[in-house]
């Protein structure tokens, strides 16, 4: 709840750029895997790196600030709890796009 409010303050009425959102999804997925099993599958790192390379250039209007990026990352568990199916579809879309784009060696 607090993360959602913080996100609304730093990203008012504007959805984050796709690369920012997908990076947040990958960060959340990696953090969850580390908490649950202590291990993270190798492809997750490749996909996260692929999305990181596609972030808007720092300082451009579409780029998030570090504060906004932290708020987006912090909002992910709340997004997942609020709409698990939508969250899963969004995450899968990010993974599929990265794989189709050549993220995996």
Protein backbone atom coordinates (compact mmCIF):
# COMPACT_ATOMS: atom_id res chain seq x y z
CA UNK A 1 0.00 0.00 0.00
CA UNK A 2 2.70 2.50 0.96
CA UNK A 3 4.74 1.54 -2.12
CA UNK A 4 1.70 2.17 -4.34
CA UNK A 5 1.21 5.59 -2.79
CA UNK A 6 4.87 6.42 -3.22
CA UNK A 7 4.74 5.27 -6.83
CA UNK A 8 1.70 7.47 -7.47
CA UNK A 9 3.61 10.44 -6.09
CA UNK A 10 6.68 9.92 -8.24
CA UNK A 11 4.86 8.65 -11.37
CA UNK A 12 1.60 10.59 -11.42
CA UNK A 13 -0.83 9.38 -14.12
CA UNK A 14 1.98 8.14 -16.33
CA UNK A 15 2.67 4.48 -16.89
CA UNK A 16 6.39 3.70 -16.76
CA UNK A 17 8.21 3.01 -20.03
CA UNK A 18 8.10 -0.68 -20.97
CA UNK A 19 11.79 -1.28 -20.31
CA UNK A 20 11.46 0.26 -16.83
CA UNK A 21 8.41 -1.87 -16.04
CA UNK A 22 9.98 -5.05 -17.37
CA UNK A 23 13.19 -4.41 -15.46
CA UNK A 24 11.12 -3.99 -12.29
CA UNK A 25 9.39 -7.30 -13.05
CA UNK A 26 12.71 -9.04 -13.50
CA UNK A 27 14.12 -7.52 -10.31
CA UNK A 28 11.04 -8.71 -8.42
CA UNK A 29 11.21 -12.19 -9.94
CA UNK A 30 14.92 -12.53 -9.10
CA UNK A 31 14.41 -11.25 -5.53
CA UNK A 32 11.50 -13.66 -5.00
CA UNK A 33 13.52 -16.63 -6.29
CA UNK A 34 16.44 -15.70 -4.05
CA UNK A 35 14.15 -15.47 -1.00
CA UNK A 36 12.34 -18.72 -1.75
CA UNK A 37 15.17 -20.97 -2.91
CA UNK A 38 18.41 -19.06 -2.57
CA UNK A 39 18.99 -19.71 -6.28
CA UNK A 40 18.15 -17.87 -9.46
CA UNK A 41 18.02 -19.51 -12.87
CA UNK A 42 20.65 -18.23 -15.30
CA UNK A 43 18.20 -17.04 -17.97
CA UNK A 44 16.71 -14.57 -15.47
CA UNK A 45 20.00 -12.67 -15.34
CA UNK A 46 20.26 -12.55 -19.13
CA UNK A 47 16.71 -11.25 -19.44
CA UNK A 48 17.28 -8.63 -16.75
CA UNK A 49 20.45 -7.47 -18.51
CA UNK A 50 18.58 -7.32 -21.82
CA UNK A 51 15.93 -5.00 -20.32
CA UNK A 52 18.58 -2.93 -18.54
CA UNK A 53 20.24 -2.26 -21.89
CA UNK A 54 16.90 -0.96 -23.21
CA UNK A 55 16.24 1.59 -20.50
CA UNK A 56 15.68 5.10 -21.77
CA UNK A 57 18.85 7.18 -21.62
CA UNK A 58 19.30 8.86 -18.23
CA UNK A 59 18.12 12.44 -18.20
CA UNK A 60 15.68 12.03 -21.07
CA UNK A 61 12.01 12.81 -20.38
CA UNK A 62 10.96 9.15 -20.63
CA UNK A 63 13.67 7.90 -18.23
CA UNK A 64 12.80 7.32 -14.60
CA UNK A 65 14.89 8.87 -11.88
CA UNK A 66 16.55 6.57 -9.35
CA UNK A 67 13.82 7.52 -6.86
CA UNK A 68 11.11 6.62 -9.35
CA UNK A 69 12.85 3.35 -10.23
CA UNK A 70 13.11 2.39 -6.54
CA UNK A 71 9.42 3.23 -6.07
CA UNK A 72 8.49 1.11 -9.09
CA UNK A 73 10.56 -1.80 -7.75
CA UNK A 74 8.92 -1.40 -4.33
CA UNK A 75 5.46 -1.40 -5.89
CA UNK A 76 5.82 -4.79 -7.55
CA UNK A 77 4.68 -7.00 -4.63
CA UNK A 78 1.59 -4.81 -4.24
CA UNK A 79 0.87 -4.97 -7.97
CA UNK A 80 1.16 -8.76 -7.81
CA UNK A 81 -1.15 -8.98 -4.79
CA UNK A 82 -3.73 -6.62 -6.33
CA UNK A 83 -3.95 -8.41 -9.69
CA UNK A 84 -2.06 -11.72 -9.76
CA UNK A 85 -3.32 -12.70 -13.22
CA UNK A 86 -2.53 -9.32 -14.77
CA UNK A 87 0.87 -9.33 -13.10
CA UNK A 88 1.64 -12.81 -14.45
CA UNK A 89 0.58 -11.79 -17.99
CA UNK A 90 2.71 -8.64 -17.80
CA UNK A 91 5.74 -10.57 -16.52
CA UNK A 92 5.35 -13.26 -19.19
CA UNK A 93 5.09 -10.59 -21.87
CA UNK A 94 8.37 -9.07 -20.66
CA UNK A 95 10.10 -12.46 -20.64
CA UNK A 96 8.74 -13.38 -24.08
CA UNK A 97 9.80 -10.06 -25.62
CA UNK A 98 13.32 -10.43 -24.25
CA UNK A 99 13.67 -14.02 -25.46
CA UNK A 100 12.29 -13.11 -28.89
CA UNK A 101 14.72 -10.17 -28.94
CA UNK A 102 17.71 -12.43 -28.37
CA UNK A 103 18.30 -12.10 -24.64
CA UNK A 104 19.36 -15.71 -24.25
CA UNK A 105 22.66 -16.94 -25.66
